Protein backbone atom coordinates (compact mmCIF):
# COMPACT_ATOMS: atom_id res chain seq x y z
CA MET A 1 2.30 9.73 -5.06
CA ALA A 2 3.93 6.81 -3.24
CA LYS A 3 4.20 8.73 0.03
CA CYS A 4 2.55 8.08 3.39
CA ALA A 5 0.13 10.85 4.40
CA ILE A 6 0.95 10.26 8.09
CA CYS A 7 4.71 9.79 8.40
CA GLU A 8 5.82 11.09 4.97
CA LYS A 9 7.65 7.81 4.24
CA ALA A 10 8.58 7.60 0.53
CA ALA A 11 10.90 5.74 -1.84
CA HIS A 12 14.63 5.41 -1.08
CA PHE A 13 17.34 5.31 -3.70
CA GLY A 14 20.62 3.44 -3.83
CA ASN A 15 22.76 1.08 -5.89
CA ALA A 16 22.20 -2.51 -6.98
CA VAL A 17 25.61 -4.17 -6.77
CA SER A 18 26.21 -7.27 -8.90
CA HIS A 19 28.53 -10.16 -8.13
CA SER A 20 31.25 -8.52 -10.25
CA HIS A 21 30.63 -5.30 -8.26
CA ARG A 22 29.13 -3.34 -11.17
CA ARG A 23 26.67 -0.79 -9.83
CA SER A 24 23.32 0.32 -11.26
CA ASN A 25 20.58 2.48 -9.82
CA ARG A 26 17.71 0.96 -7.90
CA MET A 27 14.96 2.07 -5.55
CA TRP A 28 13.21 0.69 -2.50
CA LYS A 29 9.50 1.50 -2.58
CA SER A 30 7.59 1.83 0.69
CA ASN A 31 4.55 -0.37 1.25
CA ILE A 32 1.76 2.18 0.66
CA LYS A 33 -1.94 1.27 0.70
CA SER A 34 -4.99 3.31 -0.27
CA VAL A 35 -7.36 3.10 2.71
CA LYS A 36 -10.44 4.86 4.04
CA VAL A 37 -9.55 6.65 7.28
CA ASN A 38 -11.64 8.47 9.89
CA VAL A 39 -10.58 12.14 9.91
CA ASN A 40 -12.55 14.39 12.32
CA GLY A 41 -15.46 11.93 12.23
CA ALA A 42 -15.64 11.79 8.42
CA ALA A 43 -14.31 9.07 6.14
CA LYS A 44 -11.50 10.15 3.85
CA LYS A 45 -9.39 8.16 1.40
CA MET A 46 -5.65 8.42 2.07
CA TYR A 47 -2.40 6.73 1.12
CA VAL A 48 -0.95 5.22 4.32
CA CYS A 49 2.07 2.96 4.83
CA THR A 50 1.52 -0.42 6.45
CA SER A 51 3.71 0.42 9.45
CA CYS A 52 1.34 3.31 10.32
CA LEU A 53 -1.66 1.00 9.86
CA ARG A 54 -0.19 -1.66 12.16
CA SER A 55 0.93 0.81 14.83
CA GLY A 56 -2.56 2.29 15.12
CA ALA A 57 -1.53 5.77 13.98
CA VAL A 58 -4.74 5.93 11.92
CA GLU A 59 -8.25 4.63 12.47
CA ARG A 60 -9.86 2.86 9.53
CA ALA A 61 -13.36 3.90 8.49
């Protein structure tokens, strides 16, 4: 669910590396917001990342 409806940005996976260099799994979650967006003149609720909101890729309802 944590995926941008506009740019398809989702979570990224990698390793958390401790001071002693032991590695464990971790993830970076994208900053996704549930917003009302104008789509073809009608308001629709979508999950959009904040970079798409700031860039003006979508128009809020």
